């Protein structure tokens, strides 16, 4: 569960005050979005040079930043967030067996994909 994992270290219940929580939330989201943009840029460069992207969109992202952008496993407005270990065991999509220490996959629906090219906040 997200609430019991280190990925939720910046949750409100772990902060002394709302301002501390807000600072963590902003910093985690900024970090996550910056890393996503860098990975997307690298992916696009690799893909545009022929042969396709070698990493297939796989890149490291701090758990707290990942959660700030994509939330816990399950269905979201942007698409799906899946814990690959739970998926391999055939568990429901909101489950996480790795405690955010293993691989997680995000799949975007078409409407979310179209928003990625627009100015402003990314879909999260």
PDB file of N, CA and C in Angstrom:
ATOM      1  N   UNK A   1       0.828  -1.198   0.000  1.00  0.00           N
ATOM      2  CA  UNK A   1       0.000   0.000   0.000  1.00  0.00           C
ATOM      3  C   UNK A   1       0.862   1.246   0.000  1.00  0.00           C
ATOM      4  N   UNK A   2       0.416   2.257  -0.713  1.00  0.00           N
ATOM      5  CA  UNK A   2       1.147   3.514  -0.797  1.00  0.00           C
ATOM      6  C   UNK A   2       1.308   4.154   0.570  1.00  0.00           C
ATOM      7  N   UNK A   3       0.260   4.138   1.379  1.00  0.00           N
ATOM      8  CA  UNK A   3       0.311   4.838   2.668  1.00  0.00           C
ATOM      9  C   UNK A   3       1.381   4.296   3.597  1.00  0.00           C
ATOM     10  N   UNK A   4       1.784   3.047   3.410  1.00  0.00           N
ATOM     11  CA  UNK A   4       2.778   2.440   4.286  1.00  0.00           C
ATOM     12  C   UNK A   4       4.174   2.420   3.674  1.00  0.00           C
ATOM     13  N   UNK A   5       4.333   2.931   2.453  1.00  0.00           N
ATOM     14  CA  UNK A   5       5.627   2.822   1.777  1.00  0.00           C
ATOM     15  C   UNK A   5       6.444   4.103   1.924  1.00  0.00           C
ATOM     16  N   UNK A   6       7.737   3.976   1.659  1.00  0.00           N
ATOM     17  CA  UNK A   6       8.618   5.140   1.695  1.00  0.00           C
ATOM     18  C   UNK A   6       8.242   6.154   0.621  1.00  0.00           C
ATOM     19  N   UNK A   7       7.530   5.708  -0.417  1.00  0.00           N
ATOM     20  CA  UNK A   7       7.112   6.613  -1.489  1.00  0.00           C
ATOM     21  C   UNK A   7       6.146   7.675  -0.974  1.00  0.00           C
ATOM     22  N   UNK A   8       5.555   7.440   0.173  1.00  0.00           N
ATOM     23  CA  UNK A   8       4.604   8.378   0.759  1.00  0.00           C
ATOM     24  C   UNK A   8       5.225   9.144   1.938  1.00  0.00           C
ATOM     25  N   UNK A   9       6.543   9.227   1.952  1.00  0.00           N
ATOM     26  CA  UNK A   9       7.245   9.894   3.055  1.00  0.00           C
ATOM     27  C   UNK A   9       6.858  11.360   3.202  1.00  0.00           C
ATOM     28  N   UNK A  10       6.438  11.981   2.118  1.00  0.00           N
ATOM     29  CA  UNK A  10       6.073  13.396   2.166  1.00  0.00           C
ATOM     30  C   UNK A  10       4.572  13.611   2.338  1.00  0.00           C
ATOM     31  N   UNK A  11       3.866  12.621   2.793  1.00  0.00           N
ATOM     32  CA  UNK A  11       2.426  12.755   3.033  1.00  0.00           C
ATOM     33  C   UNK A  11       2.173  13.774   4.141  1.00  0.00           C
ATOM     34  N   UNK A  12       1.010  14.348   4.157  1.00  0.00           N
ATOM     35  CA  UNK A  12       0.652  15.370   5.155  1.00  0.00           C
ATOM     36  C   UNK A  12       0.841  14.847   6.576  1.00  0.00           C
ATOM     37  N   UNK A  13       0.489  13.599   6.822  1.00  0.00           N
ATOM     38  CA  UNK A  13       0.598  13.058   8.181  1.00  0.00           C
ATOM     39  C   UNK A  13       2.041  12.968   8.661  1.00  0.00           C
ATOM     40  N   UNK A  14       3.003  13.022   7.741  1.00  0.00           N
ATOM     41  CA  UNK A  14       4.414  12.955   8.102  1.00  0.00           C
ATOM     42  C   UNK A  14       5.067  14.329   8.212  1.00  0.00           C
ATOM     43  N   UNK A  15       4.298  15.377   8.035  1.00  0.00           N
ATOM     44  CA  UNK A  15       4.822  16.741   8.071  1.00  0.00           C
ATOM     45  C   UNK A  15       4.336  17.462   9.318  1.00  0.00           C
ATOM     46  N   UNK A  16       5.141  18.377   9.800  1.00  0.00           N
ATOM     47  CA  UNK A  16       4.801  19.148  10.991  1.00  0.00           C
ATOM     48  C   UNK A  16       3.704  20.177  10.727  1.00  0.00           C
ATOM     49  N   UNK A  17       3.664  20.690   9.487  1.00  0.00           N
ATOM     50  CA  UNK A  17       2.692  21.742   9.172  1.00  0.00           C
ATOM     51  C   UNK A  17       2.298  21.650   7.698  1.00  0.00           C
ATOM     52  N   UNK A  18       1.193  22.306   7.360  1.00  0.00           N
ATOM     53  CA  UNK A  18       0.728  22.326   5.971  1.00  0.00           C
ATOM     54  C   UNK A  18       1.790  22.902   5.031  1.00  0.00           C
ATOM     55  N   UNK A  19       2.488  23.934   5.466  1.00  0.00           N
ATOM     56  CA  UNK A  19       3.496  24.554   4.600  1.00  0.00           C
ATOM     57  C   UNK A  19       4.612  23.566   4.261  1.00  0.00           C
ATOM     58  N   UNK A  20       5.031  22.759   5.219  1.00  0.00           N
ATOM     59  CA  UNK A  20       6.055  21.745   4.949  1.00  0.00           C
ATOM     60  C   UNK A  20       5.535  20.744   3.914  1.00  0.00           C
ATOM     61  N   UNK A  21       4.298  20.297   4.089  1.00  0.00           N
ATOM     62  CA  UNK A  21       3.695  19.379   3.132  1.00  0.00           C
ATOM     63  C   UNK A  21       3.626  20.015   1.747  1.00  0.00           C
ATOM     64  N   UNK A  22       3.167  21.272   1.678  1.00  0.00           N
ATOM     65  CA  UNK A  22       3.055  21.964   0.394  1.00  0.00           C
ATOM     66  C   UNK A  22       4.409  22.100  -0.292  1.00  0.00           C
ATOM     67  N   UNK A  23       5.458  22.383   0.475  1.00  0.00           N
ATOM     68  CA  UNK A  23       6.804  22.488  -0.099  1.00  0.00           C
ATOM     69  C   UNK A  23       7.252  21.152  -0.680  1.00  0.00           C
ATOM     70  N   UNK A  24       7.041  20.077   0.064  1.00  0.00           N
ATOM     71  CA  UNK A  24       7.397  18.746  -0.439  1.00  0.00           C
ATOM     72  C   UNK A  24       6.598  18.415  -1.700  1.00  0.00           C
ATOM     73  N   UNK A  25       5.297  18.676  -1.665  1.00  0.00           N
ATOM     74  CA  UNK A  25       4.437  18.346  -2.801  1.00  0.00           C
ATOM     75  C   UNK A  25       4.889  19.094  -4.057  1.00  0.00           C
ATOM     76  N   UNK A  26       5.173  20.384  -3.905  1.00  0.00           N
ATOM     77  CA  UNK A  26       5.645  21.173  -5.053  1.00  0.00           C
ATOM     78  C   UNK A  26       6.984  20.652  -5.561  1.00  0.00           C
ATOM     79  N   UNK A  27       7.920  20.440  -4.654  1.00  0.00           N
ATOM     80  CA  UNK A  27       9.260  19.986  -5.042  1.00  0.00           C
ATOM     81  C   UNK A  27       9.202  18.608  -5.713  1.00  0.00           C
ATOM     82  N   UNK A  28       8.396  17.707  -5.169  1.00  0.00           N
ATOM     83  CA  UNK A  28       8.285  16.366  -5.756  1.00  0.00           C
ATOM     84  C   UNK A  28       7.679  16.427  -7.151  1.00  0.00           C
ATOM     85  N   UNK A  29       6.659  17.253  -7.324  1.00  0.00           N
ATOM     86  CA  UNK A  29       6.029  17.361  -8.644  1.00  0.00           C
ATOM     87  C   UNK A  29       6.968  18.026  -9.644  1.00  0.00           C
ATOM     88  N   UNK A  30       7.656  19.080  -9.232  1.00  0.00           N
ATOM     89  CA  UNK A  30       8.609  19.751 -10.121  1.00  0.00           C
ATOM     90  C   UNK A  30       9.702  18.773 -10.552  1.00  0.00           C
ATOM     91  N   UNK A  31      10.236  18.007  -9.590  1.00  0.00           N
ATOM     92  CA  UNK A  31      11.268  17.021  -9.905  1.00  0.00           C
ATOM     93  C   UNK A  31      10.731  15.969 -10.867  1.00  0.00           C
ATOM     94  N   UNK A  32       9.558  15.447 -10.594  1.00  0.00           N
ATOM     95  CA  UNK A  32       8.976  14.418 -11.450  1.00  0.00           C
ATOM     96  C   UNK A  32       8.740  14.906 -12.866  1.00  0.00           C
ATOM     97  N   UNK A  33       8.177  16.098 -13.006  1.00  0.00           N
ATOM     98  CA  UNK A  33       7.890  16.649 -14.327  1.00  0.00           C
ATOM     99  C   UNK A  33       9.198  16.931 -15.079  1.00  0.00           C
ATOM    100  N   UNK A  34      10.201  17.471 -14.394  1.00  0.00           N
ATOM    101  CA  UNK A  34      11.489  17.748 -15.042  1.00  0.00           C
ATOM    102  C   UNK A  34      12.130  16.456 -15.544  1.00  0.00           C
ATOM    103  N   UNK A  35      12.093  15.420 -14.731  1.00  0.00           N
ATOM    104  CA  UNK A  35      12.685  14.137 -15.145  1.00  0.00           C
ATOM    105  C   UNK A  35      11.899  13.495 -16.280  1.00  0.00           C
ATOM    106  N   UNK A  36      10.574  13.627 -16.249  1.00  0.00           N
ATOM    107  CA  UNK A  36       9.754  13.106 -17.346  1.00  0.00           C
ATOM    108  C   UNK A  36      10.060  13.829 -18.647  1.00  0.00           C
ATOM    109  N   UNK A  37      10.176  15.147 -18.572  1.00  0.00           N
ATOM    110  CA  UNK A  37      10.497  15.917 -19.784  1.00  0.00           C
ATOM    111  C   UNK A  37      11.868  15.542 -20.336  1.00  0.00           C
ATOM    112  N   UNK A  38      12.851  15.390 -19.457  1.00  0.00           N
ATOM    113  CA  UNK A  38      14.196  15.009 -19.896  1.00  0.00           C
ATOM    114  C   UNK A  38      14.178  13.620 -20.535  1.00  0.00           C
ATOM    115  N   UNK A  39      13.468  12.684 -19.912  1.00  0.00           N
ATOM    116  CA  UNK A  39      13.384  11.329 -20.461  1.00  0.00           C
ATOM    117  C   UNK A  39      12.651  11.324 -21.792  1.00  0.00           C
ATOM    118  N   UNK A  40      11.581  12.095 -21.908  1.00  0.00           N
ATOM    119  CA  UNK A  40      10.832  12.169 -23.160  1.00  0.00           C
ATOM    120  C   UNK A  40      11.690  12.781 -24.268  1.00  0.00           C
ATOM    121  N   UNK A  41      12.455  13.794 -23.927  1.00  0.00           N
ATOM    122  CA  UNK A  41      13.342  14.419 -24.903  1.00  0.00           C
ATOM    123  C   UNK A  41      14.399  13.425 -25.384  1.00  0.00           C
ATOM    124  N   UNK A  42      14.995  12.709 -24.458  1.00  0.00           N
ATOM    125  CA  UNK A  42      16.007  11.705 -24.805  1.00  0.00           C
ATOM    126  C   UNK A  42      15.388  10.585 -25.637  1.00  0.00           C
ATOM    127  N   UNK A  43      14.206  10.160 -25.274  1.00  0.00           N
ATOM    128  CA  UNK A  43      13.494   9.122 -26.009  1.00  0.00           C
ATOM    129  C   UNK A  43      13.237   9.574 -27.443  1.00  0.00           C
ATOM    130  N   UNK A  44      12.779  10.813 -27.612  1.00  0.00           N
ATOM    131  CA  UNK A  44      12.487  11.351 -28.938  1.00  0.00           C
ATOM    132  C   UNK A  44      13.755  11.454 -29.779  1.00  0.00           C
ATOM    133  N   UNK A  45      14.866  11.894 -29.180  1.00  0.00           N
ATOM    134  CA  UNK A  45      16.135  11.993 -29.912  1.00  0.00           C
ATOM    135  C   UNK A  45      16.585  10.626 -30.396  1.00  0.00           C
ATOM    136  N   UNK A  46      16.546   9.650 -29.518  1.00  0.00           N
ATOM    137  CA  UNK A  46      16.983   8.295 -29.863  1.00  0.00           C
ATOM    138  C   UNK A  46      16.105   7.722 -30.960  1.00  0.00           C
ATOM    139  N   UNK A  47      14.803   7.927 -30.824  1.00  0.00           N
ATOM    140  CA  UNK A  47      13.860   7.392 -31.800  1.00  0.00           C
ATOM    141  C   UNK A  47      14.030   8.071 -33.155  1.00  0.00           C
ATOM    142  N   UNK A  48      14.313   9.371 -33.165  1.00  0.00           N
ATOM    143  CA  UNK A  48      14.431  10.103 -34.428  1.00  0.00           C
ATOM    144  C   UNK A  48      15.701   9.752 -35.194  1.00  0.00           C
ATOM    145  N   UNK A  49      16.664   9.122 -34.540  1.00  0.00           N
ATOM    146  CA  UNK A  49      17.904   8.731 -35.207  1.00  0.00           C
ATOM    147  C   UNK A  49      17.815   7.333 -35.806  1.00  0.00           C
ATOM    148  N   UNK A  50      16.603   6.805 -35.953  1.00  0.00           N
ATOM    149  CA  UNK A  50      16.414   5.489 -36.554  1.00  0.00           C
ATOM    150  C   UNK A  50      16.672   4.372 -35.553  1.00  0.00           C
ATOM    151  N   UNK A  51      16.072   3.251 -35.803  1.00  0.00           N
ATOM    152  CA  UNK A  51      16.297   2.096 -34.936  1.00  0.00           C
ATOM    153  C   UNK A  51      15.427   2.076 -33.699  1.00  0.00           C
ATOM    154  N   UNK A  52      14.691   3.137 -33.435  1.00  0.00           N
ATOM    155  CA  UNK A  52      13.823   3.164 -32.259  1.00  0.00           C
ATOM    156  C   UNK A  52      14.589   3.419 -30.983  1.00  0.00           C
ATOM    157  N   UNK A  53      13.881   3.732 -29.951  1.00  0.00           N
ATOM    158  CA  UNK A  53      14.499   3.998 -28.648  1.00  0.00           C
ATOM    159  C   UNK A  53      14.885   2.677 -28.009  1.00  0.00           C
ATOM    160  N   UNK A  54      16.119   2.579 -27.573  1.00  0.00           N
ATOM    161  CA  UNK A  54      16.618   1.345 -27.004  1.00  0.00           C
ATOM    162  C   UNK A  54      16.025   1.049 -25.631  1.00  0.00           C
ATOM    163  N   UNK A  55      15.736   2.088 -24.857  1.00  0.00           N
ATOM    164  CA  UNK A  55      15.262   1.846 -23.490  1.00  0.00           C
ATOM    165  C   UNK A  55      13.750   1.686 -23.398  1.00  0.00           C
ATOM    166  N   UNK A  56      13.044   1.833 -24.499  1.00  0.00           N
ATOM    167  CA  UNK A  56      11.588   1.684 -24.550  1.00  0.00           C
ATOM    168  C   UNK A  56      10.879   2.557 -23.515  1.00  0.00           C
ATOM    169  N   UNK A  57      11.447   3.702 -23.214  1.00  0.00           N
ATOM    170  CA  UNK A  57      10.819   4.618 -22.279  1.00  0.00           C
ATOM    171  C   UNK A  57      11.056   4.282 -20.824  1.00  0.00           C
ATOM    172  N   UNK A  58      12.003   3.434 -20.531  1.00  0.00           N
ATOM    173  CA  UNK A  58      12.315   3.054 -19.151  1.00  0.00           C
ATOM    174  C   UNK A  58      13.398   3.983 -18.620  1.00  0.00           C
ATOM    175  N   UNK A  59      13.144   4.561 -17.457  1.00  0.00           N
ATOM    176  CA  UNK A  59      14.121   5.453 -16.834  1.00  0.00           C
ATOM    177  C   UNK A  59      13.832   5.525 -15.341  1.00  0.00           C
ATOM    178  N   UNK A  60      14.863   5.822 -14.543  1.00  0.00           N
ATOM    179  CA  UNK A  60      14.644   5.915 -13.093  1.00  0.00           C
ATOM    180  C   UNK A  60      13.916   7.204 -12.729  1.00  0.00           C
ATOM    181  N   UNK A  61      13.081   7.120 -11.713  1.00  0.00           N
ATOM    182  CA  UNK A  61      12.351   8.275 -11.202  1.00  0.00           C
ATOM    183  C   UNK A  61      12.130   8.032  -9.710  1.00  0.00           C
ATOM    184  N   UNK A  62      12.529   8.970  -8.892  1.00  0.00           N
ATOM    185  CA  UNK A  62      12.368   8.827  -7.442  1.00  0.00           C
ATOM    186  C   UNK A  62      10.908   8.517  -7.108  1.00  0.00           C
ATOM    187  N   UNK A  63      10.699   7.608  -6.185  1.00  0.00           N
ATOM    188  CA  UNK A  63       9.347   7.158  -5.855  1.00  0.00           C
ATOM    189  C   UNK A  63       8.438   8.312  -5.440  1.00  0.00           C
ATOM    190  N   UNK A  64       8.956   9.243  -4.630  1.00  0.00           N
ATOM    191  CA  UNK A  64       8.105  10.349  -4.175  1.00  0.00           C
ATOM    192  C   UNK A  64       7.721  11.258  -5.340  1.00  0.00           C
ATOM    193  N   UNK A  65       8.624  11.443  -6.290  1.00  0.00           N
ATOM    194  CA  UNK A  65       8.319  12.244  -7.477  1.00  0.00           C
ATOM    195  C   UNK A  65       7.332  11.505  -8.373  1.00  0.00           C
ATOM    196  N   UNK A  66       7.525  10.207  -8.511  1.00  0.00           N
ATOM    197  CA  UNK A  66       6.618   9.389  -9.316  1.00  0.00           C
ATOM    198  C   UNK A  66       5.200   9.480  -8.771  1.00  0.00           C
ATOM    199  N   UNK A  67       5.063   9.307  -7.467  1.00  0.00           N
ATOM    200  CA  UNK A  67       3.747   9.351  -6.828  1.00  0.00           C
ATOM    201  C   UNK A  67       3.131  10.753  -6.935  1.00  0.00           C
ATOM    202  N   UNK A  68       3.946  11.795  -6.831  1.00  0.00           N
ATOM    203  CA  UNK A  68       3.423  13.160  -6.942  1.00  0.00           C
ATOM    204  C   UNK A  68       2.807  13.406  -8.317  1.00  0.00           C
ATOM    205  N   UNK A  69       3.359  12.787  -9.338  1.00  0.00           N
ATOM    206  CA  UNK A  69       2.854  12.990 -10.694  1.00  0.00           C
ATOM    207  C   UNK A  69       1.759  11.984 -11.050  1.00  0.00           C
ATOM    208  N   UNK A  70       1.963  10.706 -10.707  1.00  0.00           N
ATOM    209  CA  UNK A  70       1.063   9.648 -11.177  1.00  0.00           C
ATOM    210  C   UNK A  70       0.165   9.026 -10.117  1.00  0.00           C
ATOM    211  N   UNK A  71       0.368   9.341  -8.839  1.00  0.00           N
ATOM    212  CA  UNK A  71      -0.463   8.752  -7.789  1.00  0.00           C
ATOM    213  C   UNK A  71      -0.158   7.276  -7.588  1.00  0.00           C
ATOM    214  N   UNK A  72      -1.002   6.612  -6.841  1.00  0.00           N
ATOM    215  CA  UNK A  72      -0.827   5.191  -6.564  1.00  0.00           C
ATOM    216  C   UNK A  72      -1.287   4.337  -7.730  1.00  0.00           C
ATOM    217  N   UNK A  73      -0.981   3.044  -7.695  1.00  0.00           N
ATOM    218  CA  UNK A  73      -1.409   2.154  -8.772  1.00  0.00           C
ATOM    219  C   UNK A  73      -2.922   2.166  -8.943  1.00  0.00           C
ATOM    220  N   UNK A  74      -3.354   2.034 -10.175  1.00  0.00           N
ATOM    221  CA  UNK A  74      -4.773   1.975 -10.482  1.00  0.00           C
ATOM    222  C   UNK A  74      -5.113   2.766 -11.722  1.00  0.00           C
ATOM    223  N   UNK A  75      -6.392   2.948 -11.936  1.00  0.00           N
ATOM    224  CA  UNK A  75      -6.894   3.692 -13.087  1.00  0.00           C
ATOM    225  C   UNK A  75      -7.031   5.161 -12.695  1.00  0.00           C
ATOM    226  N   UNK A  76      -6.546   6.025 -13.557  1.00  0.00           N
ATOM    227  CA  UNK A  76      -6.587   7.467 -13.318  1.00  0.00           C
ATOM    228  C   UNK A  76      -7.123   8.166 -14.565  1.00  0.00           C
ATOM    229  N   UNK A  77      -7.318   9.460 -14.476  1.00  0.00           N
ATOM    230  CA  UNK A  77      -7.785  10.226 -15.627  1.00  0.00           C
ATOM    231  C   UNK A  77      -6.818  10.183 -16.794  1.00  0.00           C
ATOM    232  N   UNK A  78      -5.536  10.022 -16.532  1.00  0.00           N
ATOM    233  CA  UNK A  78      -4.533   9.967 -17.597  1.00  0.00           C
ATOM    234  C   UNK A  78      -4.392   8.574 -18.198  1.00  0.00           C
ATOM    235  N   UNK A  79      -4.870   7.553 -17.510  1.00  0.00           N
ATOM    236  CA  UNK A  79      -4.703   6.171 -17.961  1.00  0.00           C
ATOM    237  C   UNK A  79      -4.481   5.241 -16.787  1.00  0.00           C
ATOM    238  N   UNK A  80      -3.412   4.432 -16.834  1.00  0.00           N
ATOM    239  CA  UNK A  80      -3.146   3.436 -15.808  1.00  0.00           C
ATOM    240  C   UNK A  80      -1.753   3.567 -15.216  1.00  0.00           C
ATOM    241  N   UNK A  81      -1.646   3.256 -13.940  1.00  0.00           N
ATOM    242  CA  UNK A  81      -0.366   3.115 -13.241  1.00  0.00           C
ATOM    243  C   UNK A  81      -0.379   1.700 -12.690  1.00  0.00           C
ATOM    244  N   UNK A  82       0.597   0.900 -13.104  1.00  0.00           N
ATOM    245  CA  UNK A  82       0.625  -0.527 -12.771  1.00  0.00           C
ATOM    246  C   UNK A  82       1.947  -0.888 -12.093  1.00  0.00           C
ATOM    247  N   UNK A  83       1.882  -1.624 -11.000  1.00  0.00           N
ATOM    248  CA  UNK A  83       3.051  -2.257 -10.392  1.00  0.00           C
ATOM    249  C   UNK A  83       3.272  -3.556 -11.173  1.00  0.00           C
ATOM    250  N   UNK A  84       4.403  -3.680 -11.832  1.00  0.00           N
ATOM    251  CA  UNK A  84       4.630  -4.843 -12.693  1.00  0.00           C
ATOM    252  C   UNK A  84       4.695  -6.148 -11.908  1.00  0.00           C
ATOM    253  N   UNK A  85       5.159  -6.098 -10.676  1.00  0.00           N
ATOM    254  CA  UNK A  85       5.209  -7.307  -9.855  1.00  0.00           C
ATOM    255  C   UNK A  85       3.791  -7.796  -9.521  1.00  0.00           C
ATOM    256  N   UNK A  86       2.906  -6.879  -9.179  1.00  0.00           N
ATOM    257  CA  UNK A  86       1.513  -7.242  -8.881  1.00  0.00           C
ATOM    258  C   UNK A  86       0.810  -7.740 -10.142  1.00  0.00           C
ATOM    259  N   UNK A  87       1.096  -7.093 -11.262  1.00  0.00           N
ATOM    260  CA  UNK A  87       0.487  -7.515 -12.525  1.00  0.00           C
ATOM    261  C   UNK A  87       0.914  -8.944 -12.872  1.00  0.00           C
ATOM    262  N   UNK A  88       2.188  -9.260 -12.676  1.00  0.00           N
ATOM    263  CA  UNK A  88       2.695 -10.604 -12.975  1.00  0.00           C
ATOM    264  C   UNK A  88       2.002 -11.673 -12.129  1.00  0.00           C
ATOM    265  N   UNK A  89       1.551 -11.296 -10.938  1.00  0.00           N
ATOM    266  CA  UNK A  89       0.845 -12.236 -10.051  1.00  0.00           C
ATOM    267  C   UNK A  89      -0.655 -12.263 -10.323  1.00  0.00           C
ATOM    268  N   UNK A  90      -1.111 -11.450 -11.292  1.00  0.00           N
ATOM    269  CA  UNK A  90      -2.520 -11.419 -11.643  1.00  0.00           C
ATOM    270  C   UNK A  90      -3.394 -10.678 -10.647  1.00  0.00           C
ATOM    271  N   UNK A  91      -2.806  -9.780  -9.865  1.00  0.00           N
ATOM    272  CA  UNK A  91      -3.571  -9.035  -8.861  1.00  0.00           C
ATOM    273  C   UNK A  91      -4.288  -7.838  -9.477  1.00  0.00           C
ATOM    274  N   UNK A  92      -5.218  -7.289  -8.750  1.00  0.00           N
ATOM    275  CA  UNK A  92      -5.967  -6.123  -9.201  1.00  0.00           C
ATOM    276  C   UNK A  92      -5.022  -4.950  -9.463  1.00  0.00           C
ATOM    277  N   UNK A  93      -5.385  -4.061 -10.380  1.00  0.00           N
ATOM    278  CA  UNK A  93      -4.467  -3.001 -10.804  1.00  0.00           C
ATOM    279  C   UNK A  93      -4.117  -1.954  -9.749  1.00  0.00           C
ATOM    280  N   UNK A  94      -4.826  -1.908  -8.649  1.00  0.00           N
ATOM    281  CA  UNK A  94      -4.485  -0.927  -7.614  1.00  0.00           C
ATOM    282  C   UNK A  94      -3.492  -1.486  -6.598  1.00  0.00           C
ATOM    283  N   UNK A  95      -3.035  -2.703  -6.782  1.00  0.00           N
ATOM    284  CA  UNK A  95      -2.111  -3.350  -5.844  1.00  0.00           C
ATOM    285  C   UNK A  95      -0.661  -3.045  -6.175  1.00  0.00           C
ATOM    286  N   UNK A  96       0.176  -3.027  -5.156  1.00  0.00           N
ATOM    287  CA  UNK A  96       1.626  -2.891  -5.306  1.00  0.00           C
ATOM    288  C   UNK A  96       2.278  -3.897  -4.368  1.00  0.00           C
ATOM    289  N   UNK A  97       3.090  -4.775  -4.918  1.00  0.00           N
ATOM    290  CA  UNK A  97       3.778  -5.778  -4.108  1.00  0.00           C
ATOM    291  C   UNK A  97       5.217  -5.385  -3.786  1.00  0.00           C
ATOM    292  N   UNK A  98       5.780  -4.477  -4.565  1.00  0.00           N
ATOM    293  CA  UNK A  98       7.206  -4.162  -4.420  1.00  0.00           C
ATOM    294  C   UNK A  98       7.484  -3.028  -3.445  1.00  0.00           C
ATOM    295  N   UNK A  99       6.454  -2.397  -2.918  1.00  0.00           N
ATOM    296  CA  UNK A  99       6.661  -1.262  -2.023  1.00  0.00           C
ATOM    297  C   UNK A  99       7.367  -0.102  -2.703  1.00  0.00           C
ATOM    298  N   UNK A 100       7.102   0.069  -3.991  1.00  0.00           N
ATOM    299  CA  UNK A 100       7.696   1.140  -4.807  1.00  0.00           C
ATOM    300  C   UNK A 100       9.211   0.996  -4.954  1.00  0.00           C
ATOM    301  N   UNK A 101       9.695  -0.220  -4.851  1.00  0.00           N
ATOM    302  CA  UNK A 101      11.130  -0.476  -5.051  1.00  0.00           C
ATOM    303  C   UNK A 101      11.380  -1.228  -6.356  1.00  0.00           C
ATOM    304  N   UNK A 102      10.320  -1.640  -7.018  1.00  0.00           N
ATOM    305  CA  UNK A 102      10.441  -2.364  -8.286  1.00  0.00           C
ATOM    306  C   UNK A 102       9.978  -1.499  -9.442  1.00  0.00           C
ATOM    307  N   UNK A 103       9.697  -2.142 -10.548  1.00  0.00           N
ATOM    308  CA  UNK A 103       9.269  -1.423 -11.758  1.00  0.00           C
ATOM    309  C   UNK A 103       7.777  -1.151 -11.740  1.00  0.00           C
ATOM    310  N   UNK A 104       7.442   0.063 -12.106  1.00  0.00           N
ATOM    311  CA  UNK A 104       6.051   0.478 -12.284  1.00  0.00           C
ATOM    312  C   UNK A 104       5.925   1.007 -13.700  1.00  0.00           C
ATOM    313  N   UNK A 105       4.754   0.816 -14.288  1.00  0.00           N
ATOM    314  CA  UNK A 105       4.514   1.243 -15.661  1.00  0.00           C
ATOM    315  C   UNK A 105       3.311   2.181 -15.698  1.00  0.00           C
ATOM    316  N   UNK A 106       3.411   3.193 -16.521  1.00  0.00           N
ATOM    317  CA  UNK A 106       2.309   4.123 -16.733  1.00  0.00           C
ATOM    318  C   UNK A 106       1.896   4.025 -18.188  1.00  0.00           C
ATOM    319  N   UNK A 107       0.607   3.871 -18.429  1.00  0.00           N
ATOM    320  CA  UNK A 107       0.056   3.850 -19.781  1.00  0.00           C
ATOM    321  C   UNK A 107      -0.923   5.000 -19.903  1.00  0.00           C
ATOM    322  N   UNK A 108      -0.715   5.837 -20.903  1.00  0.00           N
ATOM    323  CA  UNK A 108      -1.564   7.001 -21.102  1.00  0.00           C
ATOM    324  C   UNK A 108      -2.657   6.710 -22.114  1.00  0.00           C
ATOM    325  N   UNK A 109      -3.848   7.216 -21.864  1.00  0.00           N
ATOM    326  CA  UNK A 109      -4.930   7.132 -22.835  1.00  0.00           C
ATOM    327  C   UNK A 109      -4.727   8.241 -23.860  1.00  0.00           C
ATOM    328  N   UNK A 110      -5.392   8.134 -24.986  1.00  0.00           N
ATOM    329  CA  UNK A 110      -5.192   9.091 -26.077  1.00  0.00           C
ATOM    330  C   UNK A 110      -5.423  10.531 -25.661  1.00  0.00           C
ATOM    331  N   UNK A 111      -6.451  10.790 -24.847  1.00  0.00           N
ATOM    332  CA  UNK A 111      -6.751  12.167 -24.439  1.00  0.00           C
ATOM    333  C   UNK A 111      -5.612  12.748 -23.611  1.00  0.00           C
ATOM    334  N   UNK A 112      -4.963  11.926 -22.798  1.00  0.00           N
ATOM    335  CA  UNK A 112      -3.824  12.389 -22.001  1.00  0.00           C
ATOM    336  C   UNK A 112      -2.619  12.618 -22.896  1.00  0.00           C
ATOM    337  N   UNK A 113      -2.430  11.783 -23.908  1.00  0.00           N
ATOM    338  CA  UNK A 113      -1.312  11.944 -24.838  1.00  0.00           C
ATOM    339  C   UNK A 113      -1.405  13.282 -25.556  1.00  0.00           C
ATOM    340  N   UNK A 114      -2.617  13.686 -25.951  1.00  0.00           N
ATOM    341  CA  UNK A 114      -2.773  14.943 -26.666  1.00  0.00           C
ATOM    342  C   UNK A 114      -2.467  16.136 -25.768  1.00  0.00           C
ATOM    343  N   UNK A 115      -2.684  16.012 -24.462  1.00  0.00           N
ATOM    344  CA  UNK A 115      -2.405  17.104 -23.535  1.00  0.00           C
ATOM    345  C   UNK A 115      -0.919  17.304 -23.312  1.00  0.00           C
ATOM    346  N   UNK A 116      -0.112  16.283 -23.544  1.00  0.00           N
ATOM    347  CA  UNK A 116       1.322  16.384 -23.302  1.00  0.00           C
ATOM    348  C   UNK A 116       1.977  17.444 -24.182  1.00  0.00           C
ATOM    349  N   UNK A 117       1.424  17.671 -25.367  1.00  0.00           N
ATOM    350  CA  UNK A 117       1.999  18.649 -26.277  1.00  0.00           C
ATOM    351  C   UNK A 117       1.557  20.067 -26.004  1.00  0.00           C
ATOM    352  N   UNK A 118       0.593  20.269 -25.104  1.00  0.00           N
ATOM    353  CA  UNK A 118       0.073  21.594 -24.816  1.00  0.00           C
ATOM    354  C   UNK A 118       0.903  22.288 -23.741  1.00  0.00           C
ATOM    355  N   UNK A 119       0.878  23.600 -23.742  1.00  0.00           N
ATOM    356  CA  UNK A 119       1.553  24.373 -22.704  1.00  0.00           C
ATOM    357  C   UNK A 119       0.836  24.213 -21.385  1.00  0.00           C
ATOM    358  N   UNK A 120       1.540  24.430 -20.324  1.00  0.00           N
ATOM    359  CA  UNK A 120       0.924  24.385 -18.985  1.00  0.00           C
ATOM    360  C   UNK A 120       1.257  23.100 -18.275  1.00  0.00           C
ATOM    361  N   UNK A 121       0.462  22.776 -17.279  1.00  0.00           N
ATOM    362  CA  UNK A 121       0.707  21.613 -16.439  1.00  0.00           C
ATOM    363  C   UNK A 121       0.518  20.327 -17.235  1.00  0.00           C
ATOM    364  N   UNK A 122       1.408  19.366 -17.049  1.00  0.00           N
ATOM    365  CA  UNK A 122       1.188  18.063 -17.681  1.00  0.00           C
ATOM    366  C   UNK A 122       0.038  17.354 -16.983  1.00  0.00           C
ATOM    367  N   UNK A 123      -0.555  16.412 -17.689  1.00  0.00           N
ATOM    368  CA  UNK A 123      -1.639  15.652 -17.053  1.00  0.00           C
ATOM    369  C   UNK A 123      -1.047  14.777 -15.969  1.00  0.00           C
ATOM    370  N   UNK A 124      -1.605  14.841 -14.798  1.00  0.00           N
ATOM    371  CA  UNK A 124      -1.101  14.041 -13.689  1.00  0.00           C
ATOM    372  C   UNK A 124      -2.233  13.729 -12.750  1.00  0.00           C
TER     373      UNK A 124
END
